[in-house]
């Protein structure tokens, strides 16, 4: 075969592959650019929502109460959706439209978290034939089994541990502060404090990295010695 023939054959084989690869690369670049654009706008809306929540919490005298905290979270969620609509030039679209594109919003707090997502409304039904329940909820705003979108009950960072005669629930937090509630044998326990590592016990004294930890039973949150004792006794890892 002549050189001209080989050149034509090479062009026939290489040119379609080059066109396909060029088109694929261009699509990938557009996809990455669009993803980065969406991520940037979503981060701005998330920042606005968090900032609104922080401001509401700092300016509220009742921010530690659950009702006030839920109110602040709902207000922050509205801020998030308003910012999201503004970022995507969708001003005028309400939360009920945008929430279909947001699977869930999670607010992680000190000892638990809230989830804002869709759920199925489940009302308590009274009576064997539902007659009491139907009559009691006849004027309810939301019906039983209705699909809703809202804030779910607060979920604590807790876990139940059972081993022999030990049955306790430990509630964790974002730092080392924990609460232990339950029973060990026939004794009921309800202890809270900071769980420390590198702790040693010498007689009745407890040392943390060589420093003695004093007993302060009258000050909540400072019972490191008790927490360490329960952890040692329960063998919880």
Protein backbone atom coordinates (compact mmCIF):
# COMPACT_ATOMS: atom_id res chain seq x y z
CA UNK A 1 0.00 0.00 0.00
CA UNK A 2 1.25 3.41 -0.92
CA UNK A 3 2.03 6.07 1.66
CA UNK A 4 -0.92 8.13 0.44
CA UNK A 5 -3.22 5.22 1.15
CA UNK A 6 -1.86 4.79 4.67
CA UNK A 7 -2.32 8.51 5.33
CA UNK A 8 -5.95 8.39 4.18
CA UNK A 9 -6.59 5.29 6.32
CA UNK A 10 -5.03 6.98 9.37
CA UNK A 11 -7.18 10.05 8.87
CA UNK A 12 -10.32 7.91 8.55
CA UNK A 13 -9.51 6.10 11.81
CA UNK A 14 -8.13 8.97 13.89
CA UNK A 15 -10.40 11.86 12.89
CA UNK A 16 -13.67 10.37 14.26
CA UNK A 17 -11.92 9.42 17.52
CA UNK A 18 -10.48 12.94 17.85
CA UNK A 19 -13.92 14.49 17.26
CA UNK A 20 -15.53 12.20 19.86
CA UNK A 21 -12.81 12.85 22.45
CA UNK A 22 -13.02 16.59 21.86
CA UNK A 23 -16.80 16.55 22.32
CA UNK A 24 -16.47 14.41 25.45
CA UNK A 25 -13.84 16.73 26.95
CA UNK A 26 -15.96 19.81 26.21
CA UNK A 27 -19.00 18.21 27.89
CA UNK A 28 -16.92 17.23 30.92
CA UNK A 29 -15.57 20.78 31.25
CA UNK A 30 -19.10 22.20 31.07
CA UNK A 31 -20.31 19.67 33.64
CA UNK A 32 -17.53 20.48 36.11
CA UNK A 33 -18.02 24.21 35.58
CA UNK A 34 -21.77 23.90 36.14
CA UNK A 35 -21.23 21.75 39.25
CA UNK A 36 -18.80 24.27 40.73
CA UNK A 37 -21.27 27.06 39.97
CA UNK A 38 -24.10 25.18 41.70
CA UNK A 39 -21.89 24.28 44.68
CA UNK A 40 -20.85 27.90 45.09
CA UNK A 41 -24.45 29.15 45.07
CA UNK A 42 -25.54 26.41 47.45
CA UNK A 43 -22.72 27.30 49.85
CA UNK A 44 -23.79 30.96 49.82
CA UNK A 45 -27.40 30.00 50.60
CA UNK A 46 -26.22 27.66 53.37
CA UNK A 47 -24.05 30.39 54.85
CA UNK A 48 -27.00 32.80 54.83
CA UNK A 49 -29.18 30.24 56.61
CA UNK A 50 -26.56 29.53 59.27
CA UNK A 51 -25.88 33.23 59.80
CA UNK A 52 -29.61 33.89 60.26
CA UNK A 53 -29.83 31.08 62.82
CA UNK A 54 -26.83 32.39 64.75
CA UNK A 55 -28.22 35.92 64.81
CA UNK A 56 -31.64 34.75 65.96
CA UNK A 57 -30.07 32.64 68.71
CA UNK A 58 -27.79 35.42 69.95
CA UNK A 59 -30.61 37.99 70.04
CA UNK A 60 -33.13 35.73 71.77
CA UNK A 61 -33.50 35.48 75.56
CA UNK A 62 -35.24 32.10 75.21
CA UNK A 63 -32.88 30.45 72.71
CA UNK A 64 -32.29 27.48 75.05
CA UNK A 65 -35.97 26.49 75.00
CA UNK A 66 -36.97 23.94 72.38
CA UNK A 67 -39.92 25.96 71.05
CA UNK A 68 -37.73 29.03 70.58
CA UNK A 69 -34.97 26.95 68.99
CA UNK A 70 -37.41 25.35 66.54
CA UNK A 71 -38.77 28.78 65.66
CA UNK A 72 -35.24 30.06 64.98
CA UNK A 73 -34.46 27.03 62.81
CA UNK A 74 -37.64 27.47 60.75
CA UNK A 75 -36.79 31.15 60.23
CA UNK A 76 -33.25 30.18 59.16
CA UNK A 77 -34.67 27.63 56.70
CA UNK A 78 -36.82 30.33 55.11
CA UNK A 79 -33.69 32.48 54.80
CA UNK A 80 -31.91 29.57 53.12
CA UNK A 81 -34.66 29.11 50.53
CA UNK A 82 -34.94 32.84 49.88
CA UNK A 83 -31.18 33.04 49.33
CA UNK A 84 -31.27 29.93 47.13
CA UNK A 85 -34.00 31.43 44.97
CA UNK A 86 -32.02 34.66 44.68
CA UNK A 87 -28.79 32.84 43.76
CA UNK A 88 -30.49 30.94 40.93
CA UNK A 89 -32.48 33.97 39.73
CA UNK A 90 -35.70 32.28 40.83
CA UNK A 91 -37.04 35.14 42.93
CA UNK A 92 -40.76 34.65 43.42
CA UNK A 93 -40.61 30.90 43.85
CA UNK A 94 -41.70 29.87 47.32
CA UNK A 95 -40.32 27.34 49.73
CA UNK A 96 -42.98 24.81 48.68
CA UNK A 97 -41.48 24.75 45.17
CA UNK A 98 -37.78 24.71 46.03
CA UNK A 99 -38.04 22.10 48.78
CA UNK A 100 -38.81 19.43 46.18
CA UNK A 101 -35.19 19.82 45.02
CA UNK A 102 -33.70 19.66 48.53
CA UNK A 103 -33.92 16.12 50.01
CA UNK A 104 -33.26 17.26 53.60
CA UNK A 105 -31.74 20.01 55.72
CA UNK A 106 -29.91 18.91 58.88
CA UNK A 107 -29.10 21.26 61.78
CA UNK A 108 -26.45 19.67 63.98
CA UNK A 109 -26.52 21.17 67.47
CA UNK A 110 -24.55 20.51 70.64
CA UNK A 111 -26.23 17.30 71.82
CA UNK A 112 -28.40 16.32 68.84
CA UNK A 113 -29.80 17.39 65.51
CA UNK A 114 -32.97 18.45 63.71
CA UNK A 115 -33.94 17.20 60.25
CA UNK A 116 -36.16 19.28 57.96
CA UNK A 117 -37.54 16.99 55.25
CA UNK A 118 -40.67 15.32 53.95
CA UNK A 119 -42.61 12.89 56.13
CA UNK A 120 -45.97 11.15 56.32
CA UNK A 121 -48.33 12.56 58.94
CA UNK A 122 -49.35 9.87 61.44
CA UNK A 123 -52.13 10.73 63.89
CA UNK A 124 -53.04 8.61 66.88
CA UNK A 125 -56.29 6.75 66.35
CA UNK A 126 -58.61 5.94 69.24
CA UNK A 127 -61.24 3.24 69.43
CA UNK A 128 -61.33 -0.24 67.87
CA UNK A 129 -63.11 1.01 64.73
CA UNK A 130 -61.34 4.37 64.48
CA UNK A 131 -64.59 6.09 65.42
CA UNK A 132 -63.05 8.19 68.22
CA UNK A 133 -60.02 9.12 66.20
CA UNK A 134 -62.01 10.17 63.16
CA UNK A 135 -64.32 12.27 65.28
CA UNK A 136 -61.50 13.86 67.28
CA UNK A 137 -59.43 14.75 64.20
CA UNK A 138 -62.28 15.71 61.88
CA UNK A 139 -61.24 19.37 62.04
CA UNK A 140 -57.47 18.78 62.05
CA UNK A 141 -55.38 20.94 59.75
CA UNK A 142 -53.43 17.92 58.44
CA UNK A 143 -55.03 14.54 57.91
CA UNK A 144 -53.72 11.13 58.87
CA UNK A 145 -51.39 9.72 56.21
CA UNK A 146 -50.91 13.08 54.49
CA UNK A 147 -47.48 13.79 52.98
CA UNK A 148 -45.96 16.85 54.64
CA UNK A 149 -42.67 18.71 54.68
CA UNK A 150 -41.37 20.12 57.94
CA UNK A 151 -39.17 19.88 61.02
CA UNK A 152 -38.94 16.44 62.62
CA UNK A 153 -38.52 15.84 66.38
CA UNK A 154 -35.12 16.44 67.94
CA UNK A 155 -32.73 13.47 67.79
CA UNK A 156 -30.10 13.14 70.53
CA UNK A 157 -26.61 11.72 69.98
CA UNK A 158 -27.40 8.75 72.20
CA UNK A 159 -26.86 5.02 72.20
CA UNK A 160 -28.05 2.20 74.46
CA UNK A 161 -25.50 -0.26 75.86
CA UNK A 162 -26.54 -3.61 77.35
CA UNK A 163 -24.13 -6.12 78.83
CA UNK A 164 -25.19 -8.55 81.55
CA UNK A 165 -26.75 -6.56 84.38
CA UNK A 166 -25.71 -3.26 82.77
CA UNK A 167 -28.36 -1.34 80.85
CA UNK A 168 -27.44 2.30 80.22
CA UNK A 169 -28.06 5.01 77.65
CA UNK A 170 -25.17 7.34 76.94
CA UNK A 171 -25.93 10.73 75.42
CA UNK A 172 -22.96 12.31 73.66
CA UNK A 173 -22.22 15.89 72.62
CA UNK A 174 -19.93 17.63 70.15
CA UNK A 175 -17.17 17.72 72.75
CA UNK A 176 -16.31 15.17 75.47
CA UNK A 177 -19.31 15.94 77.71
CA UNK A 178 -21.58 12.89 78.14
CA UNK A 179 -24.57 11.80 80.22
CA UNK A 180 -25.05 8.24 81.45
CA UNK A 181 -28.54 7.12 82.47
CA UNK A 182 -29.77 3.63 83.27
CA UNK A 183 -29.18 0.81 85.69
CA UNK A 184 -26.14 -1.18 86.78
CA UNK A 185 -27.46 -4.17 88.60
CA UNK A 186 -30.11 -2.86 90.97
CA UNK A 187 -28.60 0.64 91.14
CA UNK A 188 -30.04 3.50 89.11
CA UNK A 189 -27.38 5.81 87.66
CA UNK A 190 -27.72 9.32 86.30
CA UNK A 191 -24.27 10.84 85.88
CA UNK A 192 -22.90 13.55 83.59
CA UNK A 193 -19.51 15.09 83.03
CA UNK A 194 -16.50 15.27 80.73
CA UNK A 195 -15.08 11.95 79.60
CA UNK A 196 -11.29 12.22 79.61
CA UNK A 197 -8.59 9.99 78.19
CA UNK A 198 -5.14 9.55 79.75
CA UNK A 199 -6.76 9.23 83.18
CA UNK A 200 -5.21 7.19 85.98
CA UNK A 201 -6.53 6.22 89.41
CA UNK A 202 -4.44 5.97 92.56
CA UNK A 203 -6.48 4.96 95.57
CA UNK A 204 -9.34 7.46 95.88
CA UNK A 205 -7.60 10.07 93.74
CA UNK A 206 -8.01 10.55 90.00
CA UNK A 207 -5.25 12.06 87.86
CA UNK A 208 -5.47 13.50 84.35
CA UNK A 209 -2.05 13.61 82.72
CA UNK A 210 -0.45 13.74 86.14
CA UNK A 211 -2.75 16.48 87.49
CA UNK A 212 -5.12 15.57 90.31
CA UNK A 213 -8.81 16.15 89.55
CA UNK A 214 -10.68 17.35 92.66
CA UNK A 215 -14.16 16.15 93.54
CA UNK A 216 -16.81 18.80 92.94
CA UNK A 217 -20.10 16.97 93.30
CA UNK A 218 -22.10 20.17 93.78
CA UNK A 219 -21.07 21.62 90.40
CA UNK A 220 -22.79 20.00 87.40
CA UNK A 221 -20.48 19.10 84.58
CA UNK A 222 -17.37 18.66 86.76
CA UNK A 223 -17.81 15.02 87.79
CA UNK A 224 -14.97 13.63 85.69
CA UNK A 225 -14.13 11.15 88.39
CA UNK A 226 -17.60 9.62 88.42
CA UNK A 227 -17.75 9.32 84.65
CA UNK A 228 -14.38 7.62 84.56
CA UNK A 229 -15.49 5.24 87.32
CA UNK A 230 -18.64 4.24 85.46
CA UNK A 231 -16.71 3.79 82.22
CA UNK A 232 -14.21 1.53 83.99
CA UNK A 233 -16.92 -0.48 85.72
CA UNK A 234 -19.10 -0.88 82.61
CA UNK A 235 -16.18 -1.62 80.27
CA UNK A 236 -17.79 0.56 77.61
CA UNK A 237 -15.54 1.13 74.61
